[in-house]
Amino acid sequence: MTLKTNNKYKRQIKPGVSVDVYDVLKAFDVKCPALQHLIKKALAAGLRGHKDRKEDLQDIIDSAHLKEARDYLSVVPKGTNYKVERVKIGELTKRSLDQSALFHVWVKQLSGFMGEPSNRAKQILKINFGFPILLQNEEEGPRLQWLLKSIEWDRRTWEQKLAICERFIPVTSIMKPNELKSMMDNIKEWAMSDFNIHLKGKKD
C-alpha cells in the first residue's frame, strides 16, 4: 500500500512508518546544503514534475562538479602539496587599482562590439585571456589545471563555463601586476585586430 500524500519527497517505508527526504538527511547527518540538494534531487529524479529523469541526473552531475570547484577554492585538495592562501591586504595594494578600474572600463567598451552583456563579456575575456596567463604561473598554474580537469572543463558548454568562471574561479583578483598587464596588453591587441578599436590606457 502506498501512502497518498502531496509531499513528493515523502514515502512509506513499511506499514505505518513514513519518512521524507529530510528525515533521511537527518539520520545520516548530512548538513551541507549542497549535498542535501543533490541527495534530494537524486531520490526523486524525474518525479518532481518539471524535469525528466535524464535532465535531473545531468543536473546532479553538474552540481556535483560545481560543488567540487567551490570546495577547491576553500580547502587544500587531498593528496596534493598545494597551499591555498588568502591574499593579504598589503599584497593587494601592490596591484595597481588603476589596472583593475581600467579593465572594467574596457569590459564595458568591448561588450557592445562583442554583442554580449558586460558581465558575460567579462567572463569571456577572463577565460580567453586570463586563463592562459594563470596557467603559466608556477603556483596558480597547477591549481587551475587540477580544477579544470576535475570539473571536466573541455566537456562543458560555453554557458556552463561562463557560470563556473563567474562563481568559482578567481582570475584577475589573484594575478600579479605584471600578469594583469600582460592580459590587458593582449586584450588591447585583440580589440584592435578584431574590432579596429583602440582601448586607451592611462598613459594614452
N, C-alpha and C. Protein backbone atom coordinates (compact mmCIF):
# COMPACT_ATOMS: atom_id res chain seq x y z
N MET A 1 0.85 -1.20 0.00
CA MET A 1 0.00 0.00 0.00
C MET A 1 0.88 1.24 0.00
N THR A 2 0.59 2.17 -0.89
CA THR A 2 1.37 3.40 -0.96
C THR A 2 0.61 4.53 -0.29
N LEU A 3 1.26 5.21 0.58
CA LEU A 3 0.63 6.32 1.30
C LEU A 3 0.43 7.48 0.35
N LYS A 4 -0.80 7.98 0.23
CA LYS A 4 -1.08 9.12 -0.62
C LYS A 4 -0.74 10.41 0.11
N THR A 5 0.03 11.23 -0.52
CA THR A 5 0.46 12.49 0.10
C THR A 5 0.82 13.50 -0.98
N ASN A 6 0.71 14.77 -0.66
CA ASN A 6 1.10 15.83 -1.57
C ASN A 6 2.59 16.12 -1.50
N ASN A 7 3.26 15.52 -0.51
CA ASN A 7 4.70 15.72 -0.34
C ASN A 7 5.44 14.76 -1.27
N LYS A 8 6.04 15.31 -2.35
CA LYS A 8 6.70 14.46 -3.35
C LYS A 8 7.94 13.77 -2.80
N TYR A 9 8.42 14.18 -1.62
CA TYR A 9 9.62 13.58 -1.04
C TYR A 9 9.28 12.64 0.12
N LYS A 10 8.01 12.41 0.36
CA LYS A 10 7.60 11.56 1.47
C LYS A 10 7.23 10.17 0.96
N ARG A 11 7.75 9.14 1.66
CA ARG A 11 7.49 7.77 1.26
C ARG A 11 7.15 6.90 2.48
N GLN A 12 6.29 5.91 2.23
CA GLN A 12 6.01 4.92 3.28
C GLN A 12 7.01 3.79 3.12
N ILE A 13 7.84 3.57 4.13
CA ILE A 13 8.89 2.55 4.01
C ILE A 13 8.45 1.21 4.58
N LYS A 14 7.44 1.22 5.44
CA LYS A 14 6.79 -0.01 5.91
C LYS A 14 5.45 0.41 6.52
N PRO A 15 4.54 -0.53 6.69
CA PRO A 15 3.20 -0.16 7.16
C PRO A 15 3.23 0.72 8.41
N GLY A 16 2.63 1.86 8.28
CA GLY A 16 2.52 2.77 9.42
C GLY A 16 3.73 3.66 9.64
N VAL A 17 4.79 3.49 8.84
CA VAL A 17 6.00 4.30 9.01
C VAL A 17 6.30 5.06 7.72
N SER A 18 6.24 6.38 7.79
CA SER A 18 6.52 7.22 6.64
C SER A 18 7.66 8.18 6.96
N VAL A 19 8.50 8.43 5.99
CA VAL A 19 9.60 9.38 6.17
C VAL A 19 9.69 10.24 4.91
N ASP A 20 10.27 11.40 5.06
CA ASP A 20 10.57 12.18 3.86
C ASP A 20 12.08 12.34 3.76
N VAL A 21 12.53 12.97 2.71
CA VAL A 21 13.97 13.06 2.45
C VAL A 21 14.71 13.76 3.59
N TYR A 22 14.04 14.69 4.26
CA TYR A 22 14.70 15.41 5.33
C TYR A 22 14.96 14.52 6.54
N ASP A 23 14.09 13.52 6.75
CA ASP A 23 14.33 12.54 7.81
C ASP A 23 15.58 11.72 7.48
N VAL A 24 15.73 11.37 6.19
CA VAL A 24 16.89 10.60 5.76
C VAL A 24 18.16 11.41 5.93
N LEU A 25 18.12 12.67 5.51
CA LEU A 25 19.29 13.54 5.64
C LEU A 25 19.69 13.70 7.10
N LYS A 26 18.70 13.85 7.96
CA LYS A 26 18.99 14.00 9.40
C LYS A 26 19.58 12.71 9.96
N ALA A 27 19.04 11.58 9.54
CA ALA A 27 19.51 10.29 10.04
C ALA A 27 20.96 10.03 9.67
N PHE A 28 21.36 10.52 8.49
CA PHE A 28 22.73 10.32 8.03
C PHE A 28 23.61 11.54 8.30
N ASP A 29 23.07 12.50 9.04
CA ASP A 29 23.82 13.68 9.48
C ASP A 29 24.44 14.45 8.30
N VAL A 30 23.64 14.61 7.25
CA VAL A 30 24.09 15.39 6.09
C VAL A 30 23.72 16.86 6.35
N LYS A 31 24.73 17.67 6.59
CA LYS A 31 24.48 19.07 6.95
C LYS A 31 24.81 20.06 5.85
N CYS A 32 25.59 19.63 4.89
CA CYS A 32 25.98 20.53 3.79
C CYS A 32 24.77 20.78 2.89
N PRO A 33 24.35 22.04 2.72
CA PRO A 33 23.18 22.35 1.89
C PRO A 33 23.33 21.85 0.45
N ALA A 34 24.53 21.94 -0.09
CA ALA A 34 24.75 21.49 -1.48
C ALA A 34 24.52 19.99 -1.61
N LEU A 35 25.04 19.23 -0.64
CA LEU A 35 24.85 17.78 -0.67
C LEU A 35 23.39 17.41 -0.41
N GLN A 36 22.74 18.14 0.48
CA GLN A 36 21.33 17.90 0.75
C GLN A 36 20.51 18.04 -0.54
N HIS A 37 20.83 19.09 -1.30
CA HIS A 37 20.11 19.34 -2.55
C HIS A 37 20.36 18.22 -3.56
N LEU A 38 21.61 17.76 -3.65
CA LEU A 38 21.93 16.69 -4.58
C LEU A 38 21.18 15.40 -4.22
N ILE A 39 21.19 15.07 -2.94
CA ILE A 39 20.55 13.83 -2.49
C ILE A 39 19.04 13.89 -2.72
N LYS A 40 18.47 15.04 -2.39
CA LYS A 40 17.02 15.21 -2.56
C LYS A 40 16.64 15.04 -4.04
N LYS A 41 17.43 15.63 -4.91
CA LYS A 41 17.15 15.54 -6.34
C LYS A 41 17.35 14.11 -6.85
N ALA A 42 18.38 13.42 -6.33
CA ALA A 42 18.67 12.06 -6.76
C ALA A 42 17.56 11.09 -6.35
N LEU A 43 17.02 11.27 -5.16
CA LEU A 43 15.99 10.37 -4.66
C LEU A 43 14.68 10.52 -5.43
N ALA A 44 14.48 11.69 -6.03
CA ALA A 44 13.23 11.91 -6.77
C ALA A 44 13.50 12.30 -8.22
N ALA A 45 14.56 11.73 -8.79
CA ALA A 45 14.94 12.06 -10.17
C ALA A 45 13.79 11.76 -11.14
N GLY A 46 13.38 12.79 -11.88
CA GLY A 46 12.32 12.63 -12.85
C GLY A 46 10.92 12.60 -12.27
N LEU A 47 10.80 12.73 -10.96
CA LEU A 47 9.49 12.62 -10.31
C LEU A 47 9.02 13.94 -9.70
N ARG A 48 9.78 14.99 -9.93
CA ARG A 48 9.46 16.26 -9.26
C ARG A 48 8.51 17.14 -10.08
N GLY A 49 8.26 16.71 -11.33
CA GLY A 49 7.21 17.39 -12.08
C GLY A 49 7.65 18.35 -13.16
N HIS A 50 8.90 18.87 -13.11
CA HIS A 50 9.28 19.85 -14.12
C HIS A 50 10.48 19.42 -14.96
N LYS A 51 11.13 18.32 -14.64
CA LYS A 51 12.23 17.79 -15.46
C LYS A 51 12.13 16.28 -15.50
N ASP A 52 12.58 15.69 -16.63
CA ASP A 52 12.55 14.23 -16.69
C ASP A 52 13.78 13.66 -15.98
N ARG A 53 13.83 12.34 -15.89
CA ARG A 53 14.90 11.68 -15.13
C ARG A 53 16.29 12.02 -15.69
N LYS A 54 16.41 12.01 -17.03
CA LYS A 54 17.70 12.30 -17.64
C LYS A 54 18.18 13.71 -17.31
N GLU A 55 17.29 14.68 -17.36
CA GLU A 55 17.65 16.08 -17.05
C GLU A 55 18.05 16.22 -15.59
N ASP A 56 17.30 15.57 -14.70
CA ASP A 56 17.63 15.65 -13.27
C ASP A 56 19.00 15.02 -12.99
N LEU A 57 19.28 13.88 -13.62
CA LEU A 57 20.56 13.21 -13.38
C LEU A 57 21.72 14.06 -13.92
N GLN A 58 21.52 14.73 -15.05
CA GLN A 58 22.57 15.59 -15.58
C GLN A 58 22.79 16.78 -14.65
N ASP A 59 21.70 17.32 -14.10
CA ASP A 59 21.81 18.42 -13.13
C ASP A 59 22.60 17.98 -11.91
N ILE A 60 22.38 16.75 -11.48
CA ILE A 60 23.09 16.22 -10.31
C ILE A 60 24.59 16.17 -10.60
N ILE A 61 24.96 15.69 -11.78
CA ILE A 61 26.37 15.61 -12.15
C ILE A 61 26.98 17.00 -12.21
N ASP A 62 26.28 17.95 -12.85
CA ASP A 62 26.79 19.31 -12.97
C ASP A 62 26.95 19.97 -11.60
N SER A 63 25.95 19.78 -10.74
CA SER A 63 26.01 20.38 -9.41
C SER A 63 27.15 19.79 -8.59
N ALA A 64 27.39 18.49 -8.75
CA ALA A 64 28.49 17.84 -8.02
C ALA A 64 29.82 18.42 -8.45
N HIS A 65 29.99 18.66 -9.75
CA HIS A 65 31.23 19.25 -10.25
C HIS A 65 31.40 20.67 -9.74
N LEU A 66 30.31 21.43 -9.68
CA LEU A 66 30.38 22.80 -9.19
C LEU A 66 30.72 22.84 -7.71
N LYS A 67 30.16 21.88 -6.96
CA LYS A 67 30.50 21.82 -5.54
C LYS A 67 31.97 21.50 -5.37
N GLU A 68 32.50 20.61 -6.21
CA GLU A 68 33.91 20.26 -6.14
C GLU A 68 34.77 21.48 -6.43
N ALA A 69 34.33 22.29 -7.40
CA ALA A 69 35.07 23.50 -7.73
C ALA A 69 35.05 24.47 -6.55
N ARG A 70 33.89 24.62 -5.91
CA ARG A 70 33.79 25.53 -4.78
C ARG A 70 34.64 25.03 -3.61
N ASP A 71 34.61 23.73 -3.36
CA ASP A 71 35.42 23.17 -2.29
C ASP A 71 36.91 23.41 -2.54
N TYR A 72 37.29 23.33 -3.81
CA TYR A 72 38.70 23.54 -4.17
C TYR A 72 39.19 24.91 -3.75
N LEU A 73 38.31 25.88 -3.86
CA LEU A 73 38.72 27.25 -3.57
C LEU A 73 38.87 27.51 -2.08
N SER A 74 38.35 26.61 -1.24
CA SER A 74 38.40 26.87 0.19
C SER A 74 39.24 25.88 0.98
N VAL A 75 39.61 24.76 0.38
CA VAL A 75 40.42 23.78 1.09
C VAL A 75 41.53 23.27 0.20
N VAL A 76 42.54 22.69 0.79
CA VAL A 76 43.62 22.09 0.02
C VAL A 76 43.15 20.74 -0.50
N PRO A 77 43.24 20.49 -1.80
CA PRO A 77 42.83 19.18 -2.34
C PRO A 77 43.60 18.06 -1.66
N LYS A 78 42.89 17.02 -1.24
CA LYS A 78 43.51 15.91 -0.53
C LYS A 78 44.53 15.22 -1.42
N GLY A 79 45.69 14.94 -0.84
CA GLY A 79 46.71 14.23 -1.59
C GLY A 79 47.63 15.12 -2.40
N THR A 80 47.46 16.45 -2.27
CA THR A 80 48.34 17.37 -3.00
C THR A 80 49.16 18.17 -2.01
N ASN A 81 50.17 18.84 -2.52
CA ASN A 81 51.00 19.69 -1.68
C ASN A 81 50.71 21.16 -1.89
N TYR A 82 49.60 21.45 -2.58
CA TYR A 82 49.28 22.84 -2.86
C TYR A 82 48.91 23.57 -1.59
N LYS A 83 49.30 24.81 -1.52
CA LYS A 83 48.90 25.66 -0.41
C LYS A 83 47.90 26.69 -0.92
N VAL A 84 46.74 26.76 -0.26
CA VAL A 84 45.75 27.76 -0.63
C VAL A 84 45.85 28.88 0.39
N GLU A 85 46.25 30.03 -0.05
CA GLU A 85 46.47 31.14 0.86
C GLU A 85 45.58 32.31 0.51
N ARG A 86 45.14 33.03 1.52
CA ARG A 86 44.38 34.25 1.28
C ARG A 86 45.35 35.38 0.93
N VAL A 87 44.93 36.22 0.02
CA VAL A 87 45.77 37.35 -0.34
C VAL A 87 45.68 38.40 0.75
N LYS A 88 46.82 38.86 1.21
CA LYS A 88 46.85 39.86 2.25
C LYS A 88 46.55 41.24 1.67
N ILE A 89 45.97 42.10 2.50
CA ILE A 89 45.63 43.44 2.05
C ILE A 89 46.84 44.16 1.52
N GLY A 90 47.97 43.97 2.18
CA GLY A 90 49.19 44.64 1.75
C GLY A 90 49.62 44.22 0.36
N GLU A 91 49.33 42.95 0.03
CA GLU A 91 49.68 42.45 -1.30
C GLU A 91 48.75 43.00 -2.36
N LEU A 92 47.50 43.22 -1.98
CA LEU A 92 46.54 43.77 -2.93
C LEU A 92 46.94 45.16 -3.39
N THR A 93 47.55 45.93 -2.49
CA THR A 93 47.91 47.29 -2.85
C THR A 93 49.04 47.32 -3.87
N LYS A 94 49.77 46.19 -4.00
CA LYS A 94 50.86 46.15 -4.96
C LYS A 94 50.32 46.09 -6.39
N ARG A 95 49.10 45.56 -6.56
CA ARG A 95 48.50 45.53 -7.88
C ARG A 95 47.76 46.84 -8.07
N SER A 96 48.13 47.56 -9.07
CA SER A 96 47.56 48.87 -9.30
C SER A 96 46.04 48.84 -9.37
N LEU A 97 45.42 49.66 -8.53
CA LEU A 97 43.97 49.77 -8.58
C LEU A 97 43.53 50.36 -9.92
N ASP A 98 44.42 51.16 -10.51
CA ASP A 98 44.11 51.73 -11.82
C ASP A 98 43.95 50.63 -12.86
N GLN A 99 44.75 49.56 -12.76
CA GLN A 99 44.65 48.45 -13.70
C GLN A 99 43.27 47.80 -13.62
N SER A 100 42.82 47.54 -12.40
CA SER A 100 41.52 46.91 -12.21
C SER A 100 40.40 47.79 -12.74
N ALA A 101 40.47 49.07 -12.41
CA ALA A 101 39.44 50.00 -12.86
C ALA A 101 39.43 50.09 -14.38
N LEU A 102 40.62 50.13 -14.98
CA LEU A 102 40.72 50.23 -16.43
C LEU A 102 40.17 48.98 -17.10
N PHE A 103 40.43 47.82 -16.51
CA PHE A 103 39.91 46.57 -17.07
C PHE A 103 38.39 46.60 -17.15
N HIS A 104 37.75 47.10 -16.09
CA HIS A 104 36.29 47.15 -16.07
C HIS A 104 35.76 48.16 -17.07
N VAL A 105 36.50 49.23 -17.30
CA VAL A 105 36.11 50.20 -18.33
C VAL A 105 36.18 49.54 -19.71
N TRP A 106 37.25 48.80 -19.93
CA TRP A 106 37.41 48.10 -21.21
C TRP A 106 36.30 47.09 -21.43
N VAL A 107 35.91 46.39 -20.37
CA VAL A 107 34.84 45.40 -20.48
C VAL A 107 33.57 46.06 -21.00
N LYS A 108 33.24 47.21 -20.45
CA LYS A 108 32.03 47.92 -20.88
C LYS A 108 32.14 48.38 -22.32
N GLN A 109 33.33 48.82 -22.71
CA GLN A 109 33.53 49.25 -24.09
C GLN A 109 33.42 48.08 -25.06
N LEU A 110 34.02 46.96 -24.69
CA LEU A 110 34.06 45.81 -25.59
C LEU A 110 32.75 45.04 -25.66
N SER A 111 31.95 45.12 -24.62
CA SER A 111 30.72 44.32 -24.59
C SER A 111 29.82 44.62 -25.78
N GLY A 112 29.76 45.89 -26.16
CA GLY A 112 28.93 46.26 -27.31
C GLY A 112 29.44 45.65 -28.60
N PHE A 113 30.75 45.69 -28.81
CA PHE A 113 31.34 45.11 -30.02
C PHE A 113 31.22 43.59 -30.01
N MET A 114 31.26 42.99 -28.82
CA MET A 114 31.17 41.53 -28.71
C MET A 114 29.73 41.05 -28.78
N GLY A 115 28.78 41.98 -28.64
CA GLY A 115 27.38 41.59 -28.64
C GLY A 115 26.98 40.83 -27.40
N GLU A 116 27.62 41.16 -26.30
CA GLU A 116 27.37 40.45 -25.04
C GLU A 116 27.12 41.47 -23.92
N PRO A 117 26.32 41.10 -22.91
CA PRO A 117 26.20 41.95 -21.73
C PRO A 117 27.56 42.05 -21.05
N SER A 118 27.76 43.12 -20.29
CA SER A 118 29.07 43.37 -19.67
C SER A 118 29.57 42.20 -18.84
N ASN A 119 28.68 41.59 -18.05
CA ASN A 119 29.13 40.52 -17.16
C ASN A 119 29.60 39.29 -17.95
N ARG A 120 28.88 38.96 -19.02
CA ARG A 120 29.30 37.83 -19.86
C ARG A 120 30.60 38.16 -20.58
N ALA A 121 30.70 39.40 -21.07
CA ALA A 121 31.92 39.81 -21.76
C ALA A 121 33.11 39.69 -20.83
N LYS A 122 32.92 40.05 -19.58
CA LYS A 122 33.99 39.98 -18.58
C LYS A 122 34.49 38.55 -18.41
N GLN A 123 33.56 37.59 -18.29
CA GLN A 123 33.94 36.19 -18.11
C GLN A 123 34.63 35.65 -19.36
N ILE A 124 34.14 36.05 -20.53
CA ILE A 124 34.76 35.61 -21.78
C ILE A 124 36.20 36.08 -21.87
N LEU A 125 36.44 37.34 -21.51
CA LEU A 125 37.79 37.89 -21.53
C LEU A 125 38.69 37.18 -20.52
N LYS A 126 38.13 36.89 -19.35
CA LYS A 126 38.92 36.22 -18.32
C LYS A 126 39.32 34.81 -18.77
N ILE A 127 38.39 34.10 -19.42
CA ILE A 127 38.69 32.74 -19.89
C ILE A 127 39.69 32.77 -21.03
N ASN A 128 39.44 33.62 -22.02
CA ASN A 128 40.27 33.63 -23.23
C ASN A 128 41.64 34.26 -23.03
N PHE A 129 41.73 35.25 -22.14
CA PHE A 129 42.99 35.97 -21.97
C PHE A 129 43.62 35.79 -20.59
N GLY A 130 42.79 35.48 -19.60
CA GLY A 130 43.32 35.31 -18.24
C GLY A 130 43.82 33.91 -17.95
N PHE A 131 43.06 32.91 -18.38
CA PHE A 131 43.44 31.53 -18.12
C PHE A 131 44.84 31.20 -18.66
N PRO A 132 45.14 31.55 -19.93
CA PRO A 132 46.47 31.20 -20.46
C PRO A 132 47.61 31.77 -19.63
N ILE A 133 47.41 32.97 -19.08
CA ILE A 133 48.46 33.59 -18.27
C ILE A 133 48.57 32.91 -16.91
N LEU A 134 47.44 32.60 -16.28
CA LEU A 134 47.48 31.93 -14.99
C LEU A 134 48.06 30.53 -15.11
N LEU A 135 47.82 29.86 -16.22
CA LEU A 135 48.35 28.51 -16.41
C LEU A 135 49.87 28.50 -16.50
N GLN A 136 50.46 29.64 -16.80
CA GLN A 136 51.92 29.75 -16.85
C GLN A 136 52.53 30.09 -15.49
N ASN A 137 51.68 30.45 -14.55
CA ASN A 137 52.14 30.80 -13.22
C ASN A 137 52.54 29.52 -12.46
N GLU A 138 53.74 29.53 -11.87
CA GLU A 138 54.26 28.33 -11.21
C GLU A 138 53.36 27.84 -10.08
N GLU A 139 52.73 28.78 -9.37
CA GLU A 139 51.88 28.40 -8.24
C GLU A 139 50.44 28.16 -8.67
N GLU A 140 49.87 29.14 -9.39
CA GLU A 140 48.46 29.06 -9.74
C GLU A 140 48.20 28.12 -10.91
N GLY A 141 49.20 27.93 -11.79
CA GLY A 141 49.01 27.07 -12.95
C GLY A 141 48.58 25.66 -12.61
N PRO A 142 49.34 24.96 -11.74
CA PRO A 142 48.95 23.60 -11.37
C PRO A 142 47.58 23.53 -10.70
N ARG A 143 47.26 24.55 -9.91
CA ARG A 143 45.96 24.56 -9.24
C ARG A 143 44.84 24.68 -10.26
N LEU A 144 45.01 25.61 -11.20
CA LEU A 144 43.98 25.80 -12.22
C LEU A 144 43.85 24.56 -13.10
N GLN A 145 44.98 23.95 -13.46
CA GLN A 145 44.94 22.73 -14.27
C GLN A 145 44.17 21.63 -13.55
N TRP A 146 44.45 21.48 -12.24
CA TRP A 146 43.76 20.45 -11.45
C TRP A 146 42.26 20.72 -11.43
N LEU A 147 41.90 21.98 -11.23
CA LEU A 147 40.49 22.35 -11.15
C LEU A 147 39.77 22.09 -12.47
N LEU A 148 40.36 22.53 -13.58
CA LEU A 148 39.72 22.36 -14.88
C LEU A 148 39.56 20.88 -15.23
N LYS A 149 40.55 20.09 -14.84
CA LYS A 149 40.46 18.65 -15.10
C LYS A 149 39.37 18.02 -14.24
N SER A 150 39.29 18.43 -12.98
CA SER A 150 38.34 17.81 -12.05
C SER A 150 36.89 18.09 -12.42
N ILE A 151 36.65 19.23 -13.06
CA ILE A 151 35.27 19.56 -13.44
C ILE A 151 35.01 19.28 -14.93
N GLU A 152 35.94 18.57 -15.57
CA GLU A 152 35.80 18.19 -16.98
C GLU A 152 35.49 19.41 -17.85
N TRP A 153 36.37 20.39 -17.75
CA TRP A 153 36.17 21.69 -18.41
C TRP A 153 35.92 21.55 -19.91
N ASP A 154 36.66 20.70 -20.57
CA ASP A 154 36.55 20.57 -22.02
C ASP A 154 35.20 20.03 -22.47
N ARG A 155 34.49 19.38 -21.57
CA ARG A 155 33.18 18.83 -21.91
C ARG A 155 32.05 19.80 -21.61
N ARG A 156 32.37 20.89 -20.97
CA ARG A 156 31.35 21.86 -20.57
C ARG A 156 30.86 22.69 -21.75
N THR A 157 29.60 23.07 -21.72
CA THR A 157 29.09 24.00 -22.72
C THR A 157 29.64 25.39 -22.40
N TRP A 158 29.57 26.27 -23.38
CA TRP A 158 30.07 27.63 -23.15
C TRP A 158 29.31 28.31 -22.02
N GLU A 159 28.01 28.08 -21.93
CA GLU A 159 27.21 28.68 -20.86
C GLU A 159 27.68 28.18 -19.50
N GLN A 160 27.97 26.89 -19.40
CA GLN A 160 28.44 26.33 -18.14
C GLN A 160 29.80 26.91 -17.77
N LYS A 161 30.67 27.07 -18.76
CA LYS A 161 32.00 27.63 -18.49
C LYS A 161 31.90 29.04 -17.95
N LEU A 162 31.02 29.85 -18.54
CA LEU A 162 30.86 31.23 -18.07
C LEU A 162 30.35 31.26 -16.63
N ALA A 163 29.39 30.38 -16.33
CA ALA A 163 28.83 30.33 -14.97
C ALA A 163 29.87 29.87 -13.96
N ILE A 164 30.64 28.85 -14.32
CA ILE A 164 31.67 28.33 -13.42
C ILE A 164 32.73 29.39 -13.16
N CYS A 165 33.16 30.06 -14.23
CA CYS A 165 34.19 31.10 -14.09
C CYS A 165 33.71 32.22 -13.18
N GLU A 166 32.48 32.65 -13.39
CA GLU A 166 31.94 33.76 -12.60
C GLU A 166 31.82 33.41 -11.12
N ARG A 167 31.38 32.20 -10.82
CA ARG A 167 31.06 31.83 -9.45
C ARG A 167 32.23 31.21 -8.68
N PHE A 168 33.14 30.53 -9.39
CA PHE A 168 34.10 29.72 -8.66
C PHE A 168 35.57 29.94 -8.97
N ILE A 169 35.90 30.61 -10.07
CA ILE A 169 37.31 30.69 -10.45
C ILE A 169 37.81 32.13 -10.44
N PRO A 170 38.61 32.50 -9.44
CA PRO A 170 39.19 33.85 -9.43
C PRO A 170 40.26 33.95 -10.51
N VAL A 171 40.30 35.07 -11.19
CA VAL A 171 41.29 35.25 -12.26
C VAL A 171 42.09 36.52 -12.02
N THR A 172 41.51 37.66 -12.33
CA THR A 172 42.24 38.92 -12.19
C THR A 172 42.59 39.21 -10.73
N SER A 173 41.75 38.75 -9.81
CA SER A 173 41.99 39.07 -8.39
C SER A 173 43.22 38.38 -7.82
N ILE A 174 43.70 37.32 -8.48
CA ILE A 174 44.89 36.62 -7.96
C ILE A 174 46.10 36.84 -8.85
N MET A 175 45.94 37.69 -9.85
CA MET A 175 47.07 37.97 -10.75
C MET A 175 48.05 38.95 -10.12
N LYS A 176 49.31 38.77 -10.46
CA LYS A 176 50.33 39.74 -10.09
C LYS A 176 50.21 40.91 -11.06
N PRO A 177 50.75 42.08 -10.68
CA PRO A 177 50.64 43.26 -11.55
C PRO A 177 51.12 43.02 -12.97
N ASN A 178 52.23 42.32 -13.12
CA ASN A 178 52.77 42.08 -14.47
C ASN A 178 51.88 41.12 -15.26
N GLU A 179 51.21 40.19 -14.56
CA GLU A 179 50.32 39.26 -15.23
C GLU A 179 49.06 39.97 -15.72
N LEU A 180 48.54 40.84 -14.88
CA LEU A 180 47.35 41.60 -15.28
C LEU A 180 47.69 42.52 -16.46
N LYS A 181 48.88 43.09 -16.42
CA LYS A 181 49.31 43.95 -17.53
C LYS A 181 49.41 43.15 -18.83
N SER A 182 49.98 41.95 -18.75
CA SER A 182 50.10 41.10 -19.94
C SER A 182 48.73 40.76 -20.50
N MET A 183 47.79 40.42 -19.61
CA MET A 183 46.45 40.10 -20.05
C MET A 183 45.82 41.28 -20.77
N MET A 184 45.97 42.47 -20.18
CA MET A 184 45.36 43.65 -20.77
C MET A 184 46.05 44.05 -22.07
N ASP A 185 47.34 43.84 -22.17
CA ASP A 185 48.05 44.11 -23.43
C ASP A 185 47.51 43.21 -24.54
N ASN A 186 47.26 41.95 -24.20
CA ASN A 186 46.73 41.00 -25.19
C ASN A 186 45.31 41.37 -25.60
N ILE A 187 44.51 41.81 -24.63
CA ILE A 187 43.14 42.24 -24.94
C ILE A 187 43.17 43.46 -25.85
N LYS A 188 44.07 44.38 -25.55
CA LYS A 188 44.19 45.61 -26.34
C LYS A 188 44.56 45.29 -27.79
N GLU A 189 45.50 44.36 -27.96
CA GLU A 189 45.93 43.97 -29.30
C GLU A 189 44.80 43.28 -30.05
N TRP A 190 44.08 42.41 -29.35
CA TRP A 190 42.94 41.70 -29.94
C TRP A 190 41.83 42.67 -30.36
N ALA A 191 41.55 43.64 -29.52
CA ALA A 191 40.49 44.62 -29.82
C ALA A 191 40.81 45.39 -31.09
N MET A 192 42.08 45.73 -31.25
CA MET A 192 42.48 46.47 -32.45
C MET A 192 42.40 45.56 -33.68
N SER A 193 42.82 44.31 -33.52
CA SER A 193 42.84 43.37 -34.64
C SER A 193 41.44 42.97 -35.08
N ASP A 194 40.55 42.66 -34.12
CA ASP A 194 39.22 42.14 -34.46
C ASP A 194 38.17 43.22 -34.67
N PHE A 195 38.28 44.32 -33.93
CA PHE A 195 37.25 45.35 -33.98
C PHE A 195 37.74 46.71 -34.46
N ASN A 196 39.05 46.80 -34.67
CA ASN A 196 39.65 48.06 -35.10
C ASN A 196 39.34 49.20 -34.13
N ILE A 197 39.39 48.89 -32.84
CA ILE A 197 39.20 49.93 -31.84
C ILE A 197 40.44 49.99 -30.94
N HIS A 198 40.76 51.19 -30.54
CA HIS A 198 41.94 51.41 -29.70
C HIS A 198 41.47 51.62 -28.26
N LEU A 199 41.79 50.64 -27.42
CA LEU A 199 41.48 50.76 -26.00
C LEU A 199 42.55 51.60 -25.34
N LYS A 200 42.14 52.66 -24.73
CA LYS A 200 43.10 53.59 -24.16
C LYS A 200 43.54 53.17 -22.76
N GLY A 201 44.83 53.30 -22.52
CA GLY A 201 45.38 53.10 -21.19
C GLY A 201 45.52 54.45 -20.50
N LYS A 202 45.97 54.42 -19.25
CA LYS A 202 46.05 55.68 -18.52
C LYS A 202 47.11 56.60 -19.08
N LYS A 203 48.06 56.05 -19.88
CA LYS A 203 49.11 56.89 -20.45
C LYS A 203 48.73 57.44 -21.83
N ASP A 204 47.59 56.95 -22.38
CA ASP A 204 47.18 57.37 -23.71
C ASP A 204 46.45 58.72 -23.66
